[in-house]
Amino acid sequence: MTTSYPKYVLGYGIDRKKLNQLILMTRPDTDPSLVDDAADMIIGRLLDKVDNYENLIVIGELNGDSCIVISFGQEAFGDNCEDLKQKNIRPPEHLRAWQDIMCGPTVFEITSF
């Protein structure tokens, strides 16, 4: 028996480029070789705040770029990209503070669970 997984997810993607730019903008004295380490730490803190039962975390792709995607709940998964774009699902309130380092809300193609 083969397990079938949904192809798309509606959610926020963590935009590492935005995060790295934000780190360098707010802390211009940061050693460029340490930016990735700082970004990893911030992403870890963000993911610790996500209820992974309510808002599943997957790896997704948008315009050829891969990122960590925080879903908007169970109803945010599906096989039809256009149907998901039409759904009126509100983003989790606790993620609004992180919008500066996110892309979306939008539909991502799931590449890994």
PDB file of N, CA and C in Angstrom:
ATOM      1  N   MET A   1       0.841  -1.179   0.000  1.00  0.00           N
ATOM      2  CA  MET A   1       0.000   0.000   0.000  1.00  0.00           C
ATOM      3  C   MET A   1       0.889   1.246   0.000  1.00  0.00           C
ATOM      4  N   THR A   2       0.627   2.152  -0.900  1.00  0.00           N
ATOM      5  CA  THR A   2       1.406   3.371  -1.049  1.00  0.00           C
ATOM      6  C   THR A   2       0.724   4.519  -0.321  1.00  0.00           C
ATOM      7  N   THR A   3       1.516   5.275   0.410  1.00  0.00           N
ATOM      8  CA  THR A   3       0.997   6.447   1.098  1.00  0.00           C
ATOM      9  C   THR A   3       1.036   7.635   0.148  1.00  0.00           C
ATOM     10  N   SER A   4      -0.052   8.366   0.080  1.00  0.00           N
ATOM     11  CA  SER A   4      -0.135   9.541  -0.777  1.00  0.00           C
ATOM     12  C   SER A   4      -0.067  10.797   0.083  1.00  0.00           C
ATOM     13  N   TYR A   5       0.833  11.682  -0.272  1.00  0.00           N
ATOM     14  CA  TYR A   5       0.986  12.933   0.456  1.00  0.00           C
ATOM     15  C   TYR A   5       0.474  14.080  -0.397  1.00  0.00           C
ATOM     16  N   PRO A   6      -0.036  15.139   0.234  1.00  0.00           N
ATOM     17  CA  PRO A   6      -0.472  16.298  -0.544  1.00  0.00           C
ATOM     18  C   PRO A   6       0.715  16.952  -1.247  1.00  0.00           C
ATOM     19  N   LYS A   7       0.413  17.630  -2.329  1.00  0.00           N
ATOM     20  CA  LYS A   7       1.450  18.238  -3.155  1.00  0.00           C
ATOM     21  C   LYS A   7       1.753  19.687  -2.773  1.00  0.00           C
ATOM     22  N   TYR A   8       0.763  20.376  -2.192  1.00  0.00           N
ATOM     23  CA  TYR A   8       0.903  21.812  -1.912  1.00  0.00           C
ATOM     24  C   TYR A   8       0.514  22.140  -0.476  1.00  0.00           C
ATOM     25  N   VAL A   9       1.034  23.280  -0.001  1.00  0.00           N
ATOM     26  CA  VAL A   9       0.692  23.764   1.331  1.00  0.00           C
ATOM     27  C   VAL A   9       0.588  25.294   1.298  1.00  0.00           C
ATOM     28  N   LEU A  10      -0.396  25.808   2.008  1.00  0.00           N
ATOM     29  CA  LEU A  10      -0.562  27.244   2.192  1.00  0.00           C
ATOM     30  C   LEU A  10       0.086  27.607   3.519  1.00  0.00           C
ATOM     31  N   GLY A  11       0.995  28.575   3.472  1.00  0.00           N
ATOM     32  CA  GLY A  11       1.652  28.951   4.717  1.00  0.00           C
ATOM     33  C   GLY A  11       2.645  30.079   4.525  1.00  0.00           C
ATOM     34  N   TYR A  12       3.486  30.233   5.536  1.00  0.00           N
ATOM     35  CA  TYR A  12       4.592  31.182   5.502  1.00  0.00           C
ATOM     36  C   TYR A  12       5.881  30.397   5.269  1.00  0.00           C
ATOM     37  N   GLY A  13       6.731  30.921   4.426  1.00  0.00           N
ATOM     38  CA  GLY A  13       8.055  30.343   4.239  1.00  0.00           C
ATOM     39  C   GLY A  13       9.089  31.218   4.924  1.00  0.00           C
ATOM     40  N   ILE A  14      10.021  30.600   5.603  1.00  0.00           N
ATOM     41  CA  ILE A  14      11.098  31.364   6.228  1.00  0.00           C
ATOM     42  C   ILE A  14      12.085  31.745   5.128  1.00  0.00           C
ATOM     43  N   ASP A  15      12.236  33.034   4.917  1.00  0.00           N
ATOM     44  CA  ASP A  15      13.080  33.560   3.847  1.00  0.00           C
ATOM     45  C   ASP A  15      14.462  33.867   4.424  1.00  0.00           C
ATOM     46  N   ARG A  16      15.377  32.972   4.177  1.00  0.00           N
ATOM     47  CA  ARG A  16      16.713  33.099   4.752  1.00  0.00           C
ATOM     48  C   ARG A  16      17.438  34.355   4.245  1.00  0.00           C
ATOM     49  N   LYS A  17      17.196  34.740   3.000  1.00  0.00           N
ATOM     50  CA  LYS A  17      17.834  35.957   2.471  1.00  0.00           C
ATOM     51  C   LYS A  17      17.370  37.186   3.247  1.00  0.00           C
ATOM     52  N   LYS A  18      16.057  37.271   3.496  1.00  0.00           N
ATOM     53  CA  LYS A  18      15.528  38.394   4.281  1.00  0.00           C
ATOM     54  C   LYS A  18      16.102  38.386   5.686  1.00  0.00           C
ATOM     55  N   LEU A  19      16.202  37.207   6.273  1.00  0.00           N
ATOM     56  CA  LEU A  19      16.731  37.091   7.629  1.00  0.00           C
ATOM     57  C   LEU A  19      18.191  37.529   7.674  1.00  0.00           C
ATOM     58  N   ASN A  20      18.989  37.058   6.730  1.00  0.00           N
ATOM     59  CA  ASN A  20      20.401  37.455   6.704  1.00  0.00           C
ATOM     60  C   ASN A  20      20.551  38.963   6.516  1.00  0.00           C
ATOM     61  N   GLN A  21      19.730  39.558   5.638  1.00  0.00           N
ATOM     62  CA  GLN A  21      19.771  41.007   5.432  1.00  0.00           C
ATOM     63  C   GLN A  21      19.374  41.748   6.706  1.00  0.00           C
ATOM     64  N   LEU A  22      18.358  41.242   7.397  1.00  0.00           N
ATOM     65  CA  LEU A  22      17.916  41.876   8.638  1.00  0.00           C
ATOM     66  C   LEU A  22      19.008  41.823   9.701  1.00  0.00           C
ATOM     67  N   ILE A  23      19.684  40.700   9.789  1.00  0.00           N
ATOM     68  CA  ILE A  23      20.783  40.565  10.761  1.00  0.00           C
ATOM     69  C   ILE A  23      21.869  41.598  10.450  1.00  0.00           C
ATOM     70  N   LEU A  24      22.260  41.691   9.182  1.00  0.00           N
ATOM     71  CA  LEU A  24      23.325  42.623   8.808  1.00  0.00           C
ATOM     72  C   LEU A  24      22.891  44.082   8.936  1.00  0.00           C
ATOM     73  N   MET A  25      21.596  44.337   8.720  1.00  0.00           N
ATOM     74  CA  MET A  25      21.096  45.704   8.830  1.00  0.00           C
ATOM     75  C   MET A  25      21.022  46.145  10.295  1.00  0.00           C
ATOM     76  N   THR A  26      20.566  45.255  11.170  1.00  0.00           N
ATOM     77  CA  THR A  26      20.414  45.630  12.577  1.00  0.00           C
ATOM     78  C   THR A  26      21.716  45.511  13.356  1.00  0.00           C
ATOM     79  N   ARG A  27      22.625  44.680  12.871  1.00  0.00           N
ATOM     80  CA  ARG A  27      23.930  44.501  13.522  1.00  0.00           C
ATOM     81  C   ARG A  27      25.026  44.561  12.471  1.00  0.00           C
ATOM     82  N   PRO A  28      25.289  45.755  11.923  1.00  0.00           N
ATOM     83  CA  PRO A  28      26.259  45.864  10.828  1.00  0.00           C
ATOM     84  C   PRO A  28      27.671  45.418  11.197  1.00  0.00           C
ATOM     85  N   ASP A  29      27.965  45.339  12.491  1.00  0.00           N
ATOM     86  CA  ASP A  29      29.291  44.909  12.921  1.00  0.00           C
ATOM     87  C   ASP A  29      29.429  43.389  12.962  1.00  0.00           C
ATOM     88  N   THR A  30      28.371  42.655  12.593  1.00  0.00           N
ATOM     89  CA  THR A  30      28.403  41.198  12.618  1.00  0.00           C
ATOM     90  C   THR A  30      29.381  40.673  11.571  1.00  0.00           C
ATOM     91  N   ASP A  31      30.232  39.779  12.004  1.00  0.00           N
ATOM     92  CA  ASP A  31      31.166  39.124  11.092  1.00  0.00           C
ATOM     93  C   ASP A  31      30.346  38.340  10.065  1.00  0.00           C
ATOM     94  N   PRO A  32      30.520  38.608   8.766  1.00  0.00           N
ATOM     95  CA  PRO A  32      29.728  37.919   7.743  1.00  0.00           C
ATOM     96  C   PRO A  32      29.789  36.399   7.843  1.00  0.00           C
ATOM     97  N   SER A  33      30.876  35.857   8.348  1.00  0.00           N
ATOM     98  CA  SER A  33      30.980  34.402   8.473  1.00  0.00           C
ATOM     99  C   SER A  33      30.075  33.862   9.586  1.00  0.00           C
ATOM    100  N   LEU A  34      29.580  34.760  10.461  1.00  0.00           N
ATOM    101  CA  LEU A  34      28.725  34.335  11.568  1.00  0.00           C
ATOM    102  C   LEU A  34      27.234  34.558  11.291  1.00  0.00           C
ATOM    103  N   VAL A  35      26.913  35.166  10.163  1.00  0.00           N
ATOM    104  CA  VAL A  35      25.514  35.470   9.851  1.00  0.00           C
ATOM    105  C   VAL A  35      24.685  34.193   9.757  1.00  0.00           C
ATOM    106  N   ASP A  36      25.204  33.167   9.091  1.00  0.00           N
ATOM    107  CA  ASP A  36      24.460  31.914   8.973  1.00  0.00           C
ATOM    108  C   ASP A  36      24.210  31.276  10.337  1.00  0.00           C
ATOM    109  N   ASP A  37      25.192  31.342  11.229  1.00  0.00           N
ATOM    110  CA  ASP A  37      25.003  30.793  12.578  1.00  0.00           C
ATOM    111  C   ASP A  37      23.919  31.562  13.329  1.00  0.00           C
ATOM    112  N   ALA A  38      23.936  32.883  13.198  1.00  0.00           N
ATOM    113  CA  ALA A  38      22.912  33.709  13.847  1.00  0.00           C
ATOM    114  C   ALA A  38      21.538  33.399  13.257  1.00  0.00           C
ATOM    115  N   ALA A  39      21.466  33.240  11.936  1.00  0.00           N
ATOM    116  CA  ALA A  39      20.191  32.909  11.282  1.00  0.00           C
ATOM    117  C   ALA A  39      19.678  31.558  11.763  1.00  0.00           C
ATOM    118  N   ASP A  40      20.558  30.584  11.880  1.00  0.00           N
ATOM    119  CA  ASP A  40      20.148  29.260  12.374  1.00  0.00           C
ATOM    120  C   ASP A  40      19.562  29.355  13.773  1.00  0.00           C
ATOM    121  N   MET A  41      20.175  30.168  14.622  1.00  0.00           N
ATOM    122  CA  MET A  41      19.699  30.326  15.991  1.00  0.00           C
ATOM    123  C   MET A  41      18.303  30.973  16.005  1.00  0.00           C
ATOM    124  N   ILE A  42      18.118  32.008  15.185  1.00  0.00           N
ATOM    125  CA  ILE A  42      16.821  32.694  15.122  1.00  0.00           C
ATOM    126  C   ILE A  42      15.750  31.756  14.572  1.00  0.00           C
ATOM    127  N   ILE A  43      16.075  31.013  13.534  1.00  0.00           N
ATOM    128  CA  ILE A  43      15.110  30.053  12.965  1.00  0.00           C
ATOM    129  C   ILE A  43      14.748  29.007  14.006  1.00  0.00           C
ATOM    130  N   GLY A  44      15.719  28.537  14.758  1.00  0.00           N
ATOM    131  CA  GLY A  44      15.443  27.565  15.820  1.00  0.00           C
ATOM    132  C   GLY A  44      14.485  28.118  16.857  1.00  0.00           C
ATOM    133  N   ARG A  45      14.678  29.354  17.253  1.00  0.00           N
ATOM    134  CA  ARG A  45      13.772  29.992  18.227  1.00  0.00           C
ATOM    135  C   ARG A  45      12.366  30.126  17.667  1.00  0.00           C
ATOM    136  N   LEU A  46      12.277  30.513  16.399  1.00  0.00           N
ATOM    137  CA  LEU A  46      10.971  30.641  15.758  1.00  0.00           C
ATOM    138  C   LEU A  46      10.261  29.292  15.708  1.00  0.00           C
ATOM    139  N   LEU A  47      10.964  28.255  15.274  1.00  0.00           N
ATOM    140  CA  LEU A  47      10.338  26.937  15.156  1.00  0.00           C
ATOM    141  C   LEU A  47       9.944  26.363  16.516  1.00  0.00           C
ATOM    142  N   ASP A  48      10.672  26.743  17.565  1.00  0.00           N
ATOM    143  CA  ASP A  48      10.298  26.311  18.922  1.00  0.00           C
ATOM    144  C   ASP A  48       8.941  26.870  19.333  1.00  0.00           C
ATOM    145  N   LYS A  49       8.537  27.987  18.764  1.00  0.00           N
ATOM    146  CA  LYS A  49       7.269  28.632  19.111  1.00  0.00           C
ATOM    147  C   LYS A  49       6.078  28.081  18.314  1.00  0.00           C
ATOM    148  N   VAL A  50       6.367  27.254  17.316  1.00  0.00           N
ATOM    149  CA  VAL A  50       5.311  26.724  16.449  1.00  0.00           C
ATOM    150  C   VAL A  50       4.737  25.444  17.051  1.00  0.00           C
ATOM    151  N   ASP A  51       3.413  25.383  17.112  1.00  0.00           N
ATOM    152  CA  ASP A  51       2.730  24.162  17.532  1.00  0.00           C
ATOM    153  C   ASP A  51       2.693  23.229  16.326  1.00  0.00           C
ATOM    154  N   ASN A  52       3.599  22.273  16.288  1.00  0.00           N
ATOM    155  CA  ASN A  52       3.751  21.414  15.117  1.00  0.00           C
ATOM    156  C   ASN A  52       2.579  20.450  14.934  1.00  0.00           C
ATOM    157  N   TYR A  53       1.693  20.362  15.895  1.00  0.00           N
ATOM    158  CA  TYR A  53       0.475  19.554  15.699  1.00  0.00           C
ATOM    159  C   TYR A  53      -0.577  20.381  14.975  1.00  0.00           C
ATOM    160  N   GLU A  54      -0.620  21.655  15.286  1.00  0.00           N
ATOM    161  CA  GLU A  54      -1.591  22.555  14.661  1.00  0.00           C
ATOM    162  C   GLU A  54      -1.081  23.102  13.332  1.00  0.00           C
ATOM    163  N   ASN A  55       0.183  23.481  13.293  1.00  0.00           N
ATOM    164  CA  ASN A  55       0.791  24.096  12.113  1.00  0.00           C
ATOM    165  C   ASN A  55       2.003  23.282  11.690  1.00  0.00           C
ATOM    166  N   LEU A  56       1.768  22.257  10.909  1.00  0.00           N
ATOM    167  CA  LEU A  56       2.852  21.372  10.490  1.00  0.00           C
ATOM    168  C   LEU A  56       3.943  22.135   9.750  1.00  0.00           C
ATOM    169  N   ILE A  57       5.168  21.681   9.930  1.00  0.00           N
ATOM    170  CA  ILE A  57       6.321  22.291   9.291  1.00  0.00           C
ATOM    171  C   ILE A  57       6.816  21.334   8.209  1.00  0.00           C
ATOM    172  N   VAL A  58       6.985  21.866   6.996  1.00  0.00           N
ATOM    173  CA  VAL A  58       7.470  21.069   5.873  1.00  0.00           C
ATOM    174  C   VAL A  58       8.545  21.861   5.133  1.00  0.00           C
ATOM    175  N   ILE A  59       9.189  21.214   4.192  1.00  0.00           N
ATOM    176  CA  ILE A  59      10.099  21.899   3.285  1.00  0.00           C
ATOM    177  C   ILE A  59       9.329  22.121   1.991  1.00  0.00           C
ATOM    178  N   GLY A  60       9.345  23.352   1.522  1.00  0.00           N
ATOM    179  CA  GLY A  60       8.610  23.685   0.309  1.00  0.00           C
ATOM    180  C   GLY A  60       9.452  24.478  -0.656  1.00  0.00           C
ATOM    181  N   GLU A  61       8.904  24.647  -1.847  1.00  0.00           N
ATOM    182  CA  GLU A  61       9.608  25.381  -2.885  1.00  0.00           C
ATOM    183  C   GLU A  61       8.681  26.422  -3.490  1.00  0.00           C
ATOM    184  N   LEU A  62       9.242  27.590  -3.737  1.00  0.00           N
ATOM    185  CA  LEU A  62       8.512  28.680  -4.373  1.00  0.00           C
ATOM    186  C   LEU A  62       9.462  29.356  -5.350  1.00  0.00           C
ATOM    187  N   ASN A  63       9.091  29.376  -6.611  1.00  0.00           N
ATOM    188  CA  ASN A  63       9.922  29.996  -7.655  1.00  0.00           C
ATOM    189  C   ASN A  63      11.353  29.450  -7.661  1.00  0.00           C
ATOM    190  N   GLY A  64      11.488  28.155  -7.427  1.00  0.00           N
ATOM    191  CA  GLY A  64      12.799  27.515  -7.468  1.00  0.00           C
ATOM    192  C   GLY A  64      13.612  27.614  -6.193  1.00  0.00           C
ATOM    193  N   ASP A  65      13.126  28.363  -5.205  1.00  0.00           N
ATOM    194  CA  ASP A  65      13.832  28.499  -3.929  1.00  0.00           C
ATOM    195  C   ASP A  65      13.206  27.588  -2.886  1.00  0.00           C
ATOM    196  N   SER A  66      14.035  26.860  -2.173  1.00  0.00           N
ATOM    197  CA  SER A  66      13.576  25.952  -1.127  1.00  0.00           C
ATOM    198  C   SER A  66      13.602  26.666   0.221  1.00  0.00           C
ATOM    199  N   CYS A  67      12.607  26.369   1.074  1.00  0.00           N
ATOM    200  CA  CYS A  67      12.572  26.994   2.394  1.00  0.00           C
ATOM    201  C   CYS A  67      11.752  26.145   3.361  1.00  0.00           C
ATOM    202  N   ILE A  68      11.889  26.459   4.624  1.00  0.00           N
ATOM    203  CA  ILE A  68      11.053  25.857   5.664  1.00  0.00           C
ATOM    204  C   ILE A  68       9.714  26.561   5.609  1.00  0.00           C
ATOM    205  N   VAL A  69       8.626  25.762   5.581  1.00  0.00           N
ATOM    206  CA  VAL A  69       7.281  26.324   5.483  1.00  0.00           C
ATOM    207  C   VAL A  69       6.488  25.956   6.732  1.00  0.00           C
ATOM    208  N   ILE A  70       5.856  26.957   7.323  1.00  0.00           N
ATOM    209  CA  ILE A  70       4.968  26.749   8.464  1.00  0.00           C
ATOM    210  C   ILE A  70       3.548  26.819   7.924  1.00  0.00           C
ATOM    211  N   SER A  71       2.850  25.698   7.997  1.00  0.00           N
ATOM    212  CA  SER A  71       1.505  25.621   7.420  1.00  0.00           C
ATOM    213  C   SER A  71       0.494  26.374   8.269  1.00  0.00           C
ATOM    214  N   PHE A  72      -0.634  26.672   7.659  1.00  0.00           N
ATOM    215  CA  PHE A  72      -1.736  27.336   8.352  1.00  0.00           C
ATOM    216  C   PHE A  72      -2.749  26.331   8.885  1.00  0.00           C
ATOM    217  N   GLY A  73      -2.330  25.108   9.128  1.00  0.00           N
ATOM    218  CA  GLY A  73      -3.210  24.097   9.702  1.00  0.00           C
ATOM    219  C   GLY A  73      -3.477  22.950   8.743  1.00  0.00           C
ATOM    220  N   GLN A  74      -4.230  21.974   9.222  1.00  0.00           N
ATOM    221  CA  GLN A  74      -4.512  20.777   8.433  1.00  0.00           C
ATOM    222  C   GLN A  74      -5.218  21.093   7.121  1.00  0.00           C
ATOM    223  N   GLU A  75      -6.100  22.094   7.142  1.00  0.00           N
ATOM    224  CA  GLU A  75      -6.865  22.437   5.935  1.00  0.00           C
ATOM    225  C   GLU A  75      -6.022  23.189   4.906  1.00  0.00           C
ATOM    226  N   ALA A  76      -4.773  23.479   5.231  1.00  0.00           N
ATOM    227  CA  ALA A  76      -3.892  24.225   4.335  1.00  0.00           C
ATOM    228  C   ALA A  76      -3.100  23.317   3.395  1.00  0.00           C
ATOM    229  N   PHE A  77      -3.419  22.037   3.363  1.00  0.00           N
ATOM    230  CA  PHE A  77      -2.742  21.074   2.493  1.00  0.00           C
ATOM    231  C   PHE A  77      -3.697  20.619   1.400  1.00  0.00           C
ATOM    232  N   GLY A  78      -3.161  20.374   0.216  1.00  0.00           N
ATOM    233  CA  GLY A  78      -4.007  19.877  -0.858  1.00  0.00           C
ATOM    234  C   GLY A  78      -3.213  19.571  -2.108  1.00  0.00           C
ATOM    235  N   ASP A  79      -3.907  19.047  -3.102  1.00  0.00           N
ATOM    236  CA  ASP A  79      -3.275  18.679  -4.363  1.00  0.00           C
ATOM    237  C   ASP A  79      -3.536  19.685  -5.473  1.00  0.00           C
ATOM    238  N   ASN A  80      -4.373  20.697  -5.200  1.00  0.00           N
ATOM    239  CA  ASN A  80      -4.702  21.680  -6.215  1.00  0.00           C
ATOM    240  C   ASN A  80      -4.241  23.056  -5.741  1.00  0.00           C
ATOM    241  N   CYS A  81      -3.230  23.568  -6.394  1.00  0.00           N
ATOM    242  CA  CYS A  81      -2.635  24.847  -6.015  1.00  0.00           C
ATOM    243  C   CYS A  81      -3.656  25.986  -6.071  1.00  0.00           C
ATOM    244  N   GLU A  82      -4.438  26.032  -7.121  1.00  0.00           N
ATOM    245  CA  GLU A  82      -5.415  27.121  -7.295  1.00  0.00           C
ATOM    246  C   GLU A  82      -6.498  27.077  -6.214  1.00  0.00           C
ATOM    247  N   ASP A  83      -6.946  25.884  -5.848  1.00  0.00           N
ATOM    248  CA  ASP A  83      -7.942  25.759  -4.774  1.00  0.00           C
ATOM    249  C   ASP A  83      -7.393  26.291  -3.457  1.00  0.00           C
ATOM    250  N   LEU A  84      -6.125  25.973  -3.166  1.00  0.00           N
ATOM    251  CA  LEU A  84      -5.521  26.467  -1.923  1.00  0.00           C
ATOM    252  C   LEU A  84      -5.389  27.987  -1.930  1.00  0.00           C
ATOM    253  N   LYS A  85      -5.075  28.565  -3.082  1.00  0.00           N
ATOM    254  CA  LYS A  85      -4.953  30.021  -3.173  1.00  0.00           C
ATOM    255  C   LYS A  85      -6.280  30.707  -2.871  1.00  0.00           C
ATOM    256  N   GLN A  86      -7.377  30.036  -3.157  1.00  0.00           N
ATOM    257  CA  GLN A  86      -8.710  30.620  -2.943  1.00  0.00           C
ATOM    258  C   GLN A  86      -9.204  30.449  -1.508  1.00  0.00           C
ATOM    259  N   LYS A  87      -8.579  29.563  -0.742  1.00  0.00           N
ATOM    260  CA  LYS A  87      -9.019  29.341   0.639  1.00  0.00           C
ATOM    261  C   LYS A  87      -8.728  30.569   1.490  1.00  0.00           C
ATOM    262  N   ASN A  88      -9.654  30.859   2.368  1.00  0.00           N
ATOM    263  CA  ASN A  88      -9.503  31.997   3.272  1.00  0.00           C
ATOM    264  C   ASN A  88      -9.109  31.468   4.652  1.00  0.00           C
ATOM    265  N   ILE A  89      -7.836  31.110   4.778  1.00  0.00           N
ATOM    266  CA  ILE A  89      -7.324  30.573   6.040  1.00  0.00           C
ATOM    267  C   ILE A  89      -6.438  31.643   6.669  1.00  0.00           C
ATOM    268  N   ARG A  90      -6.758  32.000   7.892  1.00  0.00           N
ATOM    269  CA  ARG A  90      -5.982  33.037   8.587  1.00  0.00           C
ATOM    270  C   ARG A  90      -4.661  32.473   9.095  1.00  0.00           C
ATOM    271  N   PRO A  91      -3.593  33.262   8.942  1.00  0.00           N
ATOM    272  CA  PRO A  91      -2.295  32.841   9.488  1.00  0.00           C
ATOM    273  C   PRO A  91      -2.365  32.767  11.017  1.00  0.00           C
ATOM    274  N   PRO A  92      -1.580  31.885  11.609  1.00  0.00           N
ATOM    275  CA  PRO A  92      -1.515  31.836  13.069  1.00  0.00           C
ATOM    276  C   PRO A  92      -1.083  33.182  13.634  1.00  0.00           C
ATOM    277  N   GLU A  93      -1.790  33.649  14.632  1.00  0.00           N
ATOM    278  CA  GLU A  93      -1.529  34.965  15.222  1.00  0.00           C
ATOM    279  C   GLU A  93      -0.090  35.112  15.718  1.00  0.00           C
ATOM    280  N   HIS A  94       0.454  34.044  16.312  1.00  0.00           N
ATOM    281  CA  HIS A  94       1.797  34.144  16.892  1.00  0.00           C
ATOM    282  C   HIS A  94       2.903  34.293  15.845  1.00  0.00           C
ATOM    283  N   LEU A  95       2.579  34.101  14.567  1.00  0.00           N
ATOM    284  CA  LEU A  95       3.591  34.253  13.524  1.00  0.00           C
ATOM    285  C   LEU A  95       3.649  35.660  12.936  1.00  0.00           C
ATOM    286  N   ARG A  96       2.665  36.477  13.253  1.00  0.00           N
ATOM    287  CA  ARG A  96       2.622  37.826  12.672  1.00  0.00           C
ATOM    288  C   ARG A  96       3.862  38.651  13.036  1.00  0.00           C
ATOM    289  N   ALA A  97       4.409  38.434  14.203  1.00  0.00           N
ATOM    290  CA  ALA A  97       5.593  39.189  14.629  1.00  0.00           C
ATOM    291  C   ALA A  97       6.831  38.835  13.801  1.00  0.00           C
ATOM    292  N   TRP A  98       6.792  37.721  13.096  1.00  0.00           N
ATOM    293  CA  TRP A  98       7.928  37.238  12.326  1.00  0.00           C
ATOM    294  C   TRP A  98       7.796  37.526  10.828  1.00  0.00           C
ATOM    295  N   GLN A  99       6.769  38.259  10.418  1.00  0.00           N
ATOM    296  CA  GLN A  99       6.488  38.461   8.996  1.00  0.00           C
ATOM    297  C   GLN A  99       7.643  39.101   8.223  1.00  0.00           C
ATOM    298  N   ASP A 100       8.486  39.862   8.888  1.00  0.00           N
ATOM    299  CA  ASP A 100       9.598  40.514   8.185  1.00  0.00           C
ATOM    300  C   ASP A 100      10.599  39.520   7.611  1.00  0.00           C
ATOM    301  N   ILE A 101      10.630  38.300   8.140  1.00  0.00           N
ATOM    302  CA  ILE A 101      11.569  37.294   7.627  1.00  0.00           C
ATOM    303  C   ILE A 101      10.845  36.160   6.911  1.00  0.00           C
ATOM    304  N   MET A 102       9.595  36.393   6.574  1.00  0.00           N
ATOM    305  CA  MET A 102       8.790  35.360   5.914  1.00  0.00           C
ATOM    306  C   MET A 102       8.433  35.780   4.495  1.00  0.00           C
ATOM    307  N   CYS A 103       8.158  34.798   3.665  1.00  0.00           N
ATOM    308  CA  CYS A 103       7.511  35.072   2.385  1.00  0.00           C
ATOM    309  C   CYS A 103       6.126  34.435   2.478  1.00  0.00           C
ATOM    310  N   GLY A 104       5.172  35.108   1.902  1.00  0.00           N
ATOM    311  CA  GLY A 104       3.800  34.629   1.997  1.00  0.00           C
ATOM    312  C   GLY A 104       2.971  35.576   2.832  1.00  0.00           C
ATOM    313  N   PRO A 105       1.763  35.176   3.106  1.00  0.00           N
ATOM    314  CA  PRO A 105       1.259  33.827   2.920  1.00  0.00           C
ATOM    315  C   PRO A 105       1.065  33.509   1.435  1.00  0.00           C
ATOM    316  N   THR A 106       1.438  32.292   1.088  1.00  0.00           N
ATOM    317  CA  THR A 106       1.290  31.823  -0.282  1.00  0.00           C
ATOM    318  C   THR A 106       1.285  30.303  -0.298  1.00  0.00           C
ATOM    319  N   VAL A 107       1.124  29.751  -1.486  1.00  0.00           N
ATOM    320  CA  VAL A 107       1.101  28.295  -1.656  1.00  0.00           C
ATOM    321  C   VAL A 107       2.490  27.851  -2.123  1.00  0.00           C
ATOM    322  N   PHE A 108       3.025  26.853  -1.446  1.00  0.00           N
ATOM    323  CA  PHE A 108       4.315  26.279  -1.757  1.00  0.00           C
ATOM    324  C   PHE A 108       4.137  24.851  -2.250  1.00  0.00           C
ATOM    325  N   GLU A 109       5.013  24.416  -3.131  1.00  0.00           N
ATOM    326  CA  GLU A 109       5.036  23.006  -3.522  1.00  0.00           C
ATOM    327  C   GLU A 109       5.852  22.273  -2.467  1.00  0.00           C
ATOM    328  N   ILE A 110       5.292  21.226  -1.906  1.00  0.00           N
ATOM    329  CA  ILE A 110       5.961  20.473  -0.851  1.00  0.00           C
ATOM    330  C   ILE A 110       7.059  19.591  -1.475  1.00  0.00           C
ATOM    331  N   THR A 111       8.257  19.692  -0.927  1.00  0.00           N
ATOM    332  CA  THR A 111       9.360  18.853  -1.400  1.00  0.00           C
ATOM    333  C   THR A 111       9.765  17.809  -0.362  1.00  0.00           C
ATOM    334  N   SER A 112       9.413  18.039   0.906  1.00  0.00           N
ATOM    335  CA  SER A 112       9.758  17.082   1.960  1.00  0.00           C
ATOM    336  C   SER A 112       8.896  17.324   3.190  1.00  0.00           C
ATOM    337  N   PHE A 113       8.524  16.214   3.828  1.00  0.00           N
ATOM    338  CA  PHE A 113       7.787  16.299   5.091  1.00  0.00           C
ATOM    339  C   PHE A 113       8.729  16.102   6.239  1.00  0.00           C
TER     340      PHE A 113
END
